[in-house]
Structures are given as structure tokens and as C-alpha cells.
Amino acid sequence: MDDIKNKVNIDDKLFLNSYNVDTASHLAIKDTAVCLDCNEKICTFICPAHVYEWKDGHLTVDYEGCLECGACRIGCSHDNIDWTYPRGGFGIQFRLG
């Protein structure tokens, strides 16, 4: 029982992080038409931060909460995500605790 009390869930860990958000996105969809034809829409569920979301018939990219893990780039079977690290000094700042 004590082991369960000592475990921290992922949301509690993510809450410790902070972001220095850039005005320019480091994530981009190369061709939106490819997303419209994509049946899997893997990016909408592979991203642990839920950066990608299908809304009103198009894909939204909320780069501000990106964890910079690159899962979206690897998971997209159409190679349709242009992913780079944010510019120096911007992006997530992980806090361990």
C-alpha cells in the first residue's frame, strides 16, 4: 500500500515543468491535404502533450505545450510533420522533483 502512495502520476510530474514559449512554432504540417486523407491520424494520440488535435475538419497544432520528444515526427506514417527543436532559450524547461 505504501508503494502506491509514493508513486507520482504523470500529470503531477508535467506540472513541475515550465515553458519559455517562442512566437514562432517549431512544429509545422507540411501539407494539410495529406492530413485530410490520413485515416489513422496517429499524431492526435501519440503525442503525450496532446499538441495535435482534430477540430472543425482540420488539424490544430498547439506547439506551446510541446514536450520536444519527437514522437509525432516518428509516428506520422506520411512524414508530414516538420519538427525541429525550438530556438535557443525557448521551449520546455524540465524540472525534476
PDB file of N, CA and C in Angstrom:
ATOM      1  N   MET A   1       0.816  -1.192   0.000  1.00  0.00           N
ATOM      2  CA  MET A   1       0.000   0.000   0.000  1.00  0.00           C
ATOM      3  C   MET A   1       0.862   1.259   0.000  1.00  0.00           C
ATOM      4  N   ASP A   2       1.988   1.236   0.720  1.00  0.00           N
ATOM      5  CA  ASP A   2       2.863   2.400   0.764  1.00  0.00           C
ATOM      6  C   ASP A   2       3.464   2.710  -0.600  1.00  0.00           C
ATOM      7  N   ASP A   3       3.707   1.664  -1.426  1.00  0.00           N
ATOM      8  CA  ASP A   3       4.255   1.883  -2.761  1.00  0.00           C
ATOM      9  C   ASP A   3       3.303   2.715  -3.611  1.00  0.00           C
ATOM     10  N   ILE A   4       2.022   2.488  -3.463  1.00  0.00           N
ATOM     11  CA  ILE A   4       1.039   3.243  -4.238  1.00  0.00           C
ATOM     12  C   ILE A   4       1.027   4.706  -3.813  1.00  0.00           C
ATOM     13  N   LYS A   5       1.150   4.979  -2.532  1.00  0.00           N
ATOM     14  CA  LYS A   5       1.160   6.351  -2.030  1.00  0.00           C
ATOM     15  C   LYS A   5       2.380   7.124  -2.520  1.00  0.00           C
ATOM     16  N   ASN A   6       3.506   6.435  -2.704  1.00  0.00           N
ATOM     17  CA  ASN A   6       4.752   7.085  -3.098  1.00  0.00           C
ATOM     18  C   ASN A   6       4.849   7.334  -4.598  1.00  0.00           C
ATOM     19  N   LYS A   7       3.965   6.765  -5.398  1.00  0.00           N
ATOM     20  CA  LYS A   7       4.004   6.950  -6.843  1.00  0.00           C
ATOM     21  C   LYS A   7       3.393   8.299  -7.218  1.00  0.00           C
ATOM     22  N   VAL A   8       4.023   8.962  -8.161  1.00  0.00           N
ATOM     23  CA  VAL A   8       3.535  10.240  -8.659  1.00  0.00           C
ATOM     24  C   VAL A   8       3.002  10.009 -10.062  1.00  0.00           C
ATOM     25  N   ASN A   9       1.823  10.525 -10.339  1.00  0.00           N
ATOM     26  CA  ASN A   9       1.300  10.329 -11.697  1.00  0.00           C
ATOM     27  C   ASN A   9       1.946  11.315 -12.661  1.00  0.00           C
ATOM     28  N   ILE A  10       1.800  11.053 -13.941  1.00  0.00           N
ATOM     29  CA  ILE A  10       2.472  11.849 -14.974  1.00  0.00           C
ATOM     30  C   ILE A  10       2.009  13.295 -14.989  1.00  0.00           C
ATOM     31  N   ASP A  11       0.742  13.534 -14.709  1.00  0.00           N
ATOM     32  CA  ASP A  11       0.240  14.915 -14.688  1.00  0.00           C
ATOM     33  C   ASP A  11       0.919  15.735 -13.597  1.00  0.00           C
ATOM     34  N   ASP A  12       1.163  15.115 -12.440  1.00  0.00           N
ATOM     35  CA  ASP A  12       1.866  15.814 -11.366  1.00  0.00           C
ATOM     36  C   ASP A  12       3.295  16.155 -11.775  1.00  0.00           C
ATOM     37  N   LYS A  13       3.955  15.235 -12.470  1.00  0.00           N
ATOM     38  CA  LYS A  13       5.322  15.480 -12.944  1.00  0.00           C
ATOM     39  C   LYS A  13       5.351  16.590 -13.992  1.00  0.00           C
ATOM     40  N   LEU A  14       4.419  16.539 -14.954  1.00  0.00           N
ATOM     41  CA  LEU A  14       4.387  17.544 -16.011  1.00  0.00           C
ATOM     42  C   LEU A  14       4.091  18.932 -15.460  1.00  0.00           C
ATOM     43  N   PHE A  15       3.351  19.005 -14.378  1.00  0.00           N
ATOM     44  CA  PHE A  15       3.019  20.284 -13.765  1.00  0.00           C
ATOM     45  C   PHE A  15       4.267  21.014 -13.276  1.00  0.00           C
ATOM     46  N   LEU A  16       5.334  20.269 -12.970  1.00  0.00           N
ATOM     47  CA  LEU A  16       6.571  20.877 -12.488  1.00  0.00           C
ATOM     48  C   LEU A  16       7.336  21.607 -13.596  1.00  0.00           C
ATOM     49  N   ASN A  17       7.083  21.243 -14.844  1.00  0.00           N
ATOM     50  CA  ASN A  17       7.806  21.834 -15.967  1.00  0.00           C
ATOM     51  C   ASN A  17       7.340  23.255 -16.233  1.00  0.00           C
ATOM     52  N   SER A  18       8.204  24.035 -16.848  1.00  0.00           N
ATOM     53  CA  SER A  18       7.805  25.372 -17.277  1.00  0.00           C
ATOM     54  C   SER A  18       8.212  25.548 -18.737  1.00  0.00           C
ATOM     55  N   TYR A  19       7.632  26.521 -19.376  1.00  0.00           N
ATOM     56  CA  TYR A  19       7.863  26.761 -20.791  1.00  0.00           C
ATOM     57  C   TYR A  19       8.258  28.208 -21.024  1.00  0.00           C
ATOM     58  N   ASN A  20       9.207  28.399 -21.907  1.00  0.00           N
ATOM     59  CA  ASN A  20       9.519  29.723 -22.435  1.00  0.00           C
ATOM     60  C   ASN A  20       9.053  29.667 -23.885  1.00  0.00           C
ATOM     61  N   VAL A  21       7.866  30.149 -24.132  1.00  0.00           N
ATOM     62  CA  VAL A  21       7.211  29.978 -25.420  1.00  0.00           C
ATOM     63  C   VAL A  21       7.685  31.020 -26.422  1.00  0.00           C
ATOM     64  N   ASP A  22       8.100  30.541 -27.572  1.00  0.00           N
ATOM     65  CA  ASP A  22       8.520  31.389 -28.684  1.00  0.00           C
ATOM     66  C   ASP A  22       7.279  31.856 -29.445  1.00  0.00           C
ATOM     67  N   THR A  23       7.401  32.931 -30.176  1.00  0.00           N
ATOM     68  CA  THR A  23       6.289  33.394 -31.018  1.00  0.00           C
ATOM     69  C   THR A  23       6.204  32.593 -32.309  1.00  0.00           C
ATOM     70  N   ALA A  24       7.283  31.927 -32.673  1.00  0.00           N
ATOM     71  CA  ALA A  24       7.312  31.103 -33.884  1.00  0.00           C
ATOM     72  C   ALA A  24       7.261  29.633 -33.493  1.00  0.00           C
ATOM     73  N   SER A  25       6.417  28.877 -34.186  1.00  0.00           N
ATOM     74  CA  SER A  25       6.281  27.449 -33.908  1.00  0.00           C
ATOM     75  C   SER A  25       7.476  26.667 -34.436  1.00  0.00           C
ATOM     76  N   HIS A  26       7.870  25.658 -33.711  1.00  0.00           N
ATOM     77  CA  HIS A  26       8.922  24.740 -34.165  1.00  0.00           C
ATOM     78  C   HIS A  26       8.306  23.491 -34.797  1.00  0.00           C
ATOM     79  N   LEU A  27       6.982  23.458 -34.886  1.00  0.00           N
ATOM     80  CA  LEU A  27       6.245  22.354 -35.487  1.00  0.00           C
ATOM     81  C   LEU A  27       5.415  22.881 -36.642  1.00  0.00           C
ATOM     82  N   ALA A  28       5.374  22.130 -37.736  1.00  0.00           N
ATOM     83  CA  ALA A  28       4.567  22.552 -38.874  1.00  0.00           C
ATOM     84  C   ALA A  28       4.076  21.336 -39.638  1.00  0.00           C
ATOM     85  N   ILE A  29       2.889  21.458 -40.186  1.00  0.00           N
ATOM     86  CA  ILE A  29       2.342  20.436 -41.065  1.00  0.00           C
ATOM     87  C   ILE A  29       2.798  20.795 -42.478  1.00  0.00           C
ATOM     88  N   LYS A  30       3.454  19.871 -43.150  1.00  0.00           N
ATOM     89  CA  LYS A  30       3.993  20.137 -44.487  1.00  0.00           C
ATOM     90  C   LYS A  30       2.885  20.340 -45.512  1.00  0.00           C
ATOM     91  N   ASP A  31       1.870  19.471 -45.502  1.00  0.00           N
ATOM     92  CA  ASP A  31       0.796  19.528 -46.491  1.00  0.00           C
ATOM     93  C   ASP A  31      -0.509  19.164 -45.796  1.00  0.00           C
ATOM     94  N   THR A  32      -1.383  20.133 -45.600  1.00  0.00           N
ATOM     95  CA  THR A  32      -2.627  19.882 -44.871  1.00  0.00           C
ATOM     96  C   THR A  32      -3.546  18.906 -45.608  1.00  0.00           C
ATOM     97  N   ALA A  33      -3.427  18.821 -46.921  1.00  0.00           N
ATOM     98  CA  ALA A  33      -4.246  17.877 -47.690  1.00  0.00           C
ATOM     99  C   ALA A  33      -3.916  16.434 -47.308  1.00  0.00           C
ATOM    100  N   VAL A  34      -2.662  16.173 -46.972  1.00  0.00           N
ATOM    101  CA  VAL A  34      -2.264  14.825 -46.550  1.00  0.00           C
ATOM    102  C   VAL A  34      -2.998  14.460 -45.263  1.00  0.00           C
ATOM    103  N   CYS A  35      -3.137  15.400 -44.354  1.00  0.00           N
ATOM    104  CA  CYS A  35      -3.840  15.142 -43.092  1.00  0.00           C
ATOM    105  C   CYS A  35      -5.313  14.838 -43.328  1.00  0.00           C
ATOM    106  N   LEU A  36      -5.910  15.518 -44.280  1.00  0.00           N
ATOM    107  CA  LEU A  36      -7.319  15.276 -44.592  1.00  0.00           C
ATOM    108  C   LEU A  36      -7.539  13.852 -45.083  1.00  0.00           C
ATOM    109  N   ASP A  37      -6.573  13.321 -45.835  1.00  0.00           N
ATOM    110  CA  ASP A  37      -6.681  11.968 -46.379  1.00  0.00           C
ATOM    111  C   ASP A  37      -6.165  10.886 -45.429  1.00  0.00           C
ATOM    112  N   CYS A  38      -5.563  11.284 -44.321  1.00  0.00           N
ATOM    113  CA  CYS A  38      -4.992  10.321 -43.367  1.00  0.00           C
ATOM    114  C   CYS A  38      -6.114   9.678 -42.554  1.00  0.00           C
ATOM    115  N   ASN A  39      -6.178   8.364 -42.597  1.00  0.00           N
ATOM    116  CA  ASN A  39      -7.195   7.640 -41.835  1.00  0.00           C
ATOM    117  C   ASN A  39      -6.780   7.413 -40.387  1.00  0.00           C
ATOM    118  N   GLU A  40      -5.492   7.250 -40.151  1.00  0.00           N
ATOM    119  CA  GLU A  40      -5.005   6.898 -38.819  1.00  0.00           C
ATOM    120  C   GLU A  40      -4.983   8.086 -37.862  1.00  0.00           C
ATOM    121  N   LYS A  41      -4.551   9.234 -38.344  1.00  0.00           N
ATOM    122  CA  LYS A  41      -4.387  10.441 -37.521  1.00  0.00           C
ATOM    123  C   LYS A  41      -3.607  10.135 -36.237  1.00  0.00           C
ATOM    124  N   ILE A  42      -2.498   9.443 -36.433  1.00  0.00           N
ATOM    125  CA  ILE A  42      -1.670   8.982 -35.317  1.00  0.00           C
ATOM    126  C   ILE A  42      -1.183  10.135 -34.450  1.00  0.00           C
ATOM    127  N   CYS A  43      -0.870  11.260 -35.041  1.00  0.00           N
ATOM    128  CA  CYS A  43      -0.328  12.386 -34.275  1.00  0.00           C
ATOM    129  C   CYS A  43      -1.282  12.855 -33.179  1.00  0.00           C
ATOM    130  N   THR A  44      -2.588  12.635 -33.371  1.00  0.00           N
ATOM    131  CA  THR A  44      -3.562  13.110 -32.389  1.00  0.00           C
ATOM    132  C   THR A  44      -3.587  12.270 -31.119  1.00  0.00           C
ATOM    133  N   PHE A  45      -3.006  11.074 -31.161  1.00  0.00           N
ATOM    134  CA  PHE A  45      -2.978  10.292 -29.926  1.00  0.00           C
ATOM    135  C   PHE A  45      -1.594   9.823 -29.515  1.00  0.00           C
ATOM    136  N   ILE A  46      -0.588   9.958 -30.363  1.00  0.00           N
ATOM    137  CA  ILE A  46       0.760   9.525 -29.982  1.00  0.00           C
ATOM    138  C   ILE A  46       1.483  10.589 -29.162  1.00  0.00           C
ATOM    139  N   CYS A  47       1.100  11.836 -29.314  1.00  0.00           N
ATOM    140  CA  CYS A  47       1.748  12.940 -28.599  1.00  0.00           C
ATOM    141  C   CYS A  47       1.327  12.926 -27.129  1.00  0.00           C
ATOM    142  N   PRO A  48       2.283  12.800 -26.201  1.00  0.00           N
ATOM    143  CA  PRO A  48       1.923  12.760 -24.777  1.00  0.00           C
ATOM    144  C   PRO A  48       1.384  14.093 -24.258  1.00  0.00           C
ATOM    145  N   ALA A  49       1.667  15.178 -24.953  1.00  0.00           N
ATOM    146  CA  ALA A  49       1.199  16.501 -24.526  1.00  0.00           C
ATOM    147  C   ALA A  49      -0.079  16.929 -25.245  1.00  0.00           C
ATOM    148  N   HIS A  50      -0.589  16.084 -26.125  1.00  0.00           N
ATOM    149  CA  HIS A  50      -1.819  16.382 -26.878  1.00  0.00           C
ATOM    150  C   HIS A  50      -1.704  17.698 -27.654  1.00  0.00           C
ATOM    151  N   VAL A  51      -0.563  17.878 -28.302  1.00  0.00           N
ATOM    152  CA  VAL A  51      -0.310  19.076 -29.097  1.00  0.00           C
ATOM    153  C   VAL A  51      -1.185  19.099 -30.352  1.00  0.00           C
ATOM    154  N   TYR A  52      -1.430  17.925 -30.927  1.00  0.00           N
ATOM    155  CA  TYR A  52      -2.194  17.824 -32.170  1.00  0.00           C
ATOM    156  C   TYR A  52      -3.629  17.430 -31.849  1.00  0.00           C
ATOM    157  N   GLU A  53      -4.567  18.164 -32.451  1.00  0.00           N
ATOM    158  CA  GLU A  53      -5.972  17.859 -32.217  1.00  0.00           C
ATOM    159  C   GLU A  53      -6.769  18.133 -33.488  1.00  0.00           C
ATOM    160  N   TRP A  54      -7.694  17.247 -33.767  1.00  0.00           N
ATOM    161  CA  TRP A  54      -8.546  17.386 -34.938  1.00  0.00           C
ATOM    162  C   TRP A  54      -9.765  18.203 -34.521  1.00  0.00           C
ATOM    163  N   LYS A  55      -9.916  19.428 -35.069  1.00  0.00           N
ATOM    164  CA  LYS A  55     -11.023  20.322 -34.732  1.00  0.00           C
ATOM    165  C   LYS A  55     -11.631  20.897 -35.997  1.00  0.00           C
ATOM    166  N   ASP A  56     -12.922  20.867 -36.062  1.00  0.00           N
ATOM    167  CA  ASP A  56     -13.658  21.506 -37.162  1.00  0.00           C
ATOM    168  C   ASP A  56     -13.116  21.135 -38.539  1.00  0.00           C
ATOM    169  N   GLY A  57     -12.737  19.879 -38.712  1.00  0.00           N
ATOM    170  CA  GLY A  57     -12.299  19.396 -40.007  1.00  0.00           C
ATOM    171  C   GLY A  57     -10.858  19.689 -40.375  1.00  0.00           C
ATOM    172  N   HIS A  58     -10.061  20.191 -39.424  1.00  0.00           N
ATOM    173  CA  HIS A  58      -8.639  20.389 -39.708  1.00  0.00           C
ATOM    174  C   HIS A  58      -7.800  20.113 -38.460  1.00  0.00           C
ATOM    175  N   LEU A  59      -6.538  19.926 -38.686  1.00  0.00           N
ATOM    176  CA  LEU A  59      -5.604  19.600 -37.619  1.00  0.00           C
ATOM    177  C   LEU A  59      -5.067  20.880 -36.999  1.00  0.00           C
ATOM    178  N   THR A  60      -5.174  20.998 -35.680  1.00  0.00           N
ATOM    179  CA  THR A  60      -4.584  22.138 -34.986  1.00  0.00           C
ATOM    180  C   THR A  60      -3.280  21.691 -34.329  1.00  0.00           C
ATOM    181  N   VAL A  61      -2.335  22.604 -34.242  1.00  0.00           N
ATOM    182  CA  VAL A  61      -1.025  22.322 -33.648  1.00  0.00           C
ATOM    183  C   VAL A  61      -0.777  23.377 -32.566  1.00  0.00           C
ATOM    184  N   ASP A  62      -0.891  22.976 -31.309  1.00  0.00           N
ATOM    185  CA  ASP A  62      -0.652  23.877 -30.184  1.00  0.00           C
ATOM    186  C   ASP A  62       0.760  23.646 -29.656  1.00  0.00           C
ATOM    187  N   TYR A  63       1.726  24.183 -30.375  1.00  0.00           N
ATOM    188  CA  TYR A  63       3.145  23.925 -30.107  1.00  0.00           C
ATOM    189  C   TYR A  63       3.602  24.394 -28.734  1.00  0.00           C
ATOM    190  N   GLU A  64       2.846  25.278 -28.115  1.00  0.00           N
ATOM    191  CA  GLU A  64       3.272  25.873 -26.851  1.00  0.00           C
ATOM    192  C   GLU A  64       3.481  24.845 -25.739  1.00  0.00           C
ATOM    193  N   GLY A  65       2.765  23.719 -25.788  1.00  0.00           N
ATOM    194  CA  GLY A  65       2.884  22.702 -24.747  1.00  0.00           C
ATOM    195  C   GLY A  65       3.719  21.505 -25.144  1.00  0.00           C
ATOM    196  N   CYS A  66       4.475  21.629 -26.221  1.00  0.00           N
ATOM    197  CA  CYS A  66       5.267  20.512 -26.739  1.00  0.00           C
ATOM    198  C   CYS A  66       6.341  20.077 -25.737  1.00  0.00           C
ATOM    199  N   LEU A  67       6.471  18.758 -25.565  1.00  0.00           N
ATOM    200  CA  LEU A  67       7.489  18.192 -24.682  1.00  0.00           C
ATOM    201  C   LEU A  67       8.799  17.917 -25.411  1.00  0.00           C
ATOM    202  N   GLU A  68       8.836  18.192 -26.705  1.00  0.00           N
ATOM    203  CA  GLU A  68      10.032  18.041 -27.540  1.00  0.00           C
ATOM    204  C   GLU A  68      10.548  16.606 -27.579  1.00  0.00           C
ATOM    205  N   CYS A  69       9.637  15.636 -27.553  1.00  0.00           N
ATOM    206  CA  CYS A  69      10.048  14.234 -27.568  1.00  0.00           C
ATOM    207  C   CYS A  69      10.219  13.692 -28.987  1.00  0.00           C
ATOM    208  N   GLY A  70       9.563  14.296 -29.971  1.00  0.00           N
ATOM    209  CA  GLY A  70       9.681  13.862 -31.356  1.00  0.00           C
ATOM    210  C   GLY A  70       8.785  12.698 -31.734  1.00  0.00           C
ATOM    211  N   ALA A  71       7.903  12.274 -30.844  1.00  0.00           N
ATOM    212  CA  ALA A  71       7.018  11.144 -31.139  1.00  0.00           C
ATOM    213  C   ALA A  71       6.144  11.418 -32.363  1.00  0.00           C
ATOM    214  N   CYS A  72       5.701  12.635 -32.535  1.00  0.00           N
ATOM    215  CA  CYS A  72       4.840  12.973 -33.671  1.00  0.00           C
ATOM    216  C   CYS A  72       5.574  12.771 -34.988  1.00  0.00           C
ATOM    217  N   ARG A  73       6.806  13.198 -35.033  1.00  0.00           N
ATOM    218  CA  ARG A  73       7.615  13.084 -36.253  1.00  0.00           C
ATOM    219  C   ARG A  73       7.845  11.621 -36.614  1.00  0.00           C
ATOM    220  N   ILE A  74       8.095  10.821 -35.625  1.00  0.00           N
ATOM    221  CA  ILE A  74       8.348   9.403 -35.854  1.00  0.00           C
ATOM    222  C   ILE A  74       7.051   8.659 -36.164  1.00  0.00           C
ATOM    223  N   GLY A  75       5.975   9.030 -35.486  1.00  0.00           N
ATOM    224  CA  GLY A  75       4.712   8.327 -35.628  1.00  0.00           C
ATOM    225  C   GLY A  75       3.947   8.624 -36.902  1.00  0.00           C
ATOM    226  N   CYS A  76       4.172   9.772 -37.507  1.00  0.00           N
ATOM    227  CA  CYS A  76       3.428  10.143 -38.717  1.00  0.00           C
ATOM    228  C   CYS A  76       3.874   9.246 -39.875  1.00  0.00           C
ATOM    229  N   SER A  77       2.967   8.383 -40.317  1.00  0.00           N
ATOM    230  CA  SER A  77       3.313   7.434 -41.380  1.00  0.00           C
ATOM    231  C   SER A  77       3.463   8.107 -42.742  1.00  0.00           C
ATOM    232  N   HIS A  78       3.097   9.371 -42.836  1.00  0.00           N
ATOM    233  CA  HIS A  78       3.193  10.110 -44.101  1.00  0.00           C
ATOM    234  C   HIS A  78       4.373  11.091 -44.111  1.00  0.00           C
ATOM    235  N   ASP A  79       5.152  11.107 -43.041  1.00  0.00           N
ATOM    236  CA  ASP A  79       6.291  12.033 -42.915  1.00  0.00           C
ATOM    237  C   ASP A  79       5.843  13.466 -43.228  1.00  0.00           C
ATOM    238  N   ASN A  80       4.737  13.867 -42.613  1.00  0.00           N
ATOM    239  CA  ASN A  80       4.110  15.143 -42.941  1.00  0.00           C
ATOM    240  C   ASN A  80       4.284  16.198 -41.848  1.00  0.00           C
ATOM    241  N   ILE A  81       5.092  15.901 -40.833  1.00  0.00           N
ATOM    242  CA  ILE A  81       5.320  16.869 -39.759  1.00  0.00           C
ATOM    243  C   ILE A  81       6.756  17.366 -39.837  1.00  0.00           C
ATOM    244  N   ASP A  82       6.888  18.666 -39.952  1.00  0.00           N
ATOM    245  CA  ASP A  82       8.204  19.302 -39.950  1.00  0.00           C
ATOM    246  C   ASP A  82       8.512  19.664 -38.493  1.00  0.00           C
ATOM    247  N   TRP A  83       9.399  18.909 -37.873  1.00  0.00           N
ATOM    248  CA  TRP A  83       9.700  19.042 -36.450  1.00  0.00           C
ATOM    249  C   TRP A  83      11.153  19.455 -36.279  1.00  0.00           C
ATOM    250  N   THR A  84      11.371  20.507 -35.520  1.00  0.00           N
ATOM    251  CA  THR A  84      12.720  20.927 -35.146  1.00  0.00           C
ATOM    252  C   THR A  84      12.688  21.298 -33.667  1.00  0.00           C
ATOM    253  N   TYR A  85      13.838  21.415 -33.071  1.00  0.00           N
ATOM    254  CA  TYR A  85      13.877  21.929 -31.704  1.00  0.00           C
ATOM    255  C   TYR A  85      13.545  23.417 -31.742  1.00  0.00           C
ATOM    256  N   PRO A  86      12.972  23.945 -30.668  1.00  0.00           N
ATOM    257  CA  PRO A  86      12.733  25.390 -30.607  1.00  0.00           C
ATOM    258  C   PRO A  86      14.061  26.149 -30.656  1.00  0.00           C
ATOM    259  N   ARG A  87      13.979  27.416 -30.992  1.00  0.00           N
ATOM    260  CA  ARG A  87      15.189  28.253 -30.988  1.00  0.00           C
ATOM    261  C   ARG A  87      15.799  28.262 -29.594  1.00  0.00           C
ATOM    262  N   GLY A  88      17.080  28.540 -29.537  1.00  0.00           N
ATOM    263  CA  GLY A  88      17.794  28.564 -28.262  1.00  0.00           C
ATOM    264  C   GLY A  88      17.115  29.441 -27.228  1.00  0.00           C
ATOM    265  N   GLY A  89      16.970  28.914 -26.032  1.00  0.00           N
ATOM    266  CA  GLY A  89      16.352  29.663 -24.943  1.00  0.00           C
ATOM    267  C   GLY A  89      14.846  29.499 -24.865  1.00  0.00           C
ATOM    268  N   PHE A  90      14.244  28.841 -25.868  1.00  0.00           N
ATOM    269  CA  PHE A  90      12.800  28.647 -25.885  1.00  0.00           C
ATOM    270  C   PHE A  90      12.470  27.178 -25.719  1.00  0.00           C
ATOM    271  N   GLY A  91      11.220  26.903 -25.376  1.00  0.00           N
ATOM    272  CA  GLY A  91      10.747  25.530 -25.253  1.00  0.00           C
ATOM    273  C   GLY A  91      10.551  25.137 -23.811  1.00  0.00           C
ATOM    274  N   ILE A  92      10.512  23.848 -23.591  1.00  0.00           N
ATOM    275  CA  ILE A  92      10.247  23.302 -22.261  1.00  0.00           C
ATOM    276  C   ILE A  92      11.483  23.353 -21.387  1.00  0.00           C
ATOM    277  N   GLN A  93      11.265  23.590 -20.113  1.00  0.00           N
ATOM    278  CA  GLN A  93      12.326  23.519 -19.110  1.00  0.00           C
ATOM    279  C   GLN A  93      11.871  22.480 -18.092  1.00  0.00           C
ATOM    280  N   PHE A  94      12.508  21.298 -18.144  1.00  0.00           N
ATOM    281  CA  PHE A  94      12.116  20.204 -17.272  1.00  0.00           C
ATOM    282  C   PHE A  94      12.590  20.456 -15.864  1.00  0.00           C
ATOM    283  N   ARG A  95      11.727  20.181 -14.915  1.00  0.00           N
ATOM    284  CA  ARG A  95      12.044  20.278 -13.500  1.00  0.00           C
ATOM    285  C   ARG A  95      11.901  18.881 -12.922  1.00  0.00           C
ATOM    286  N   LEU A  96      12.920  18.427 -12.288  1.00  0.00           N
ATOM    287  CA  LEU A  96      12.866  17.116 -11.642  1.00  0.00           C
ATOM    288  C   LEU A  96      12.481  17.313 -10.181  1.00  0.00           C
ATOM    289  N   GLY A  97      11.584  16.499  -9.723  1.00  0.00           N
ATOM    290  CA  GLY A  97      11.195  16.671  -8.330  1.00  0.00           C
ATOM    291  C   GLY A  97      10.285  15.594  -7.859  1.00  0.00           C
TER     292      GLY A  97
END
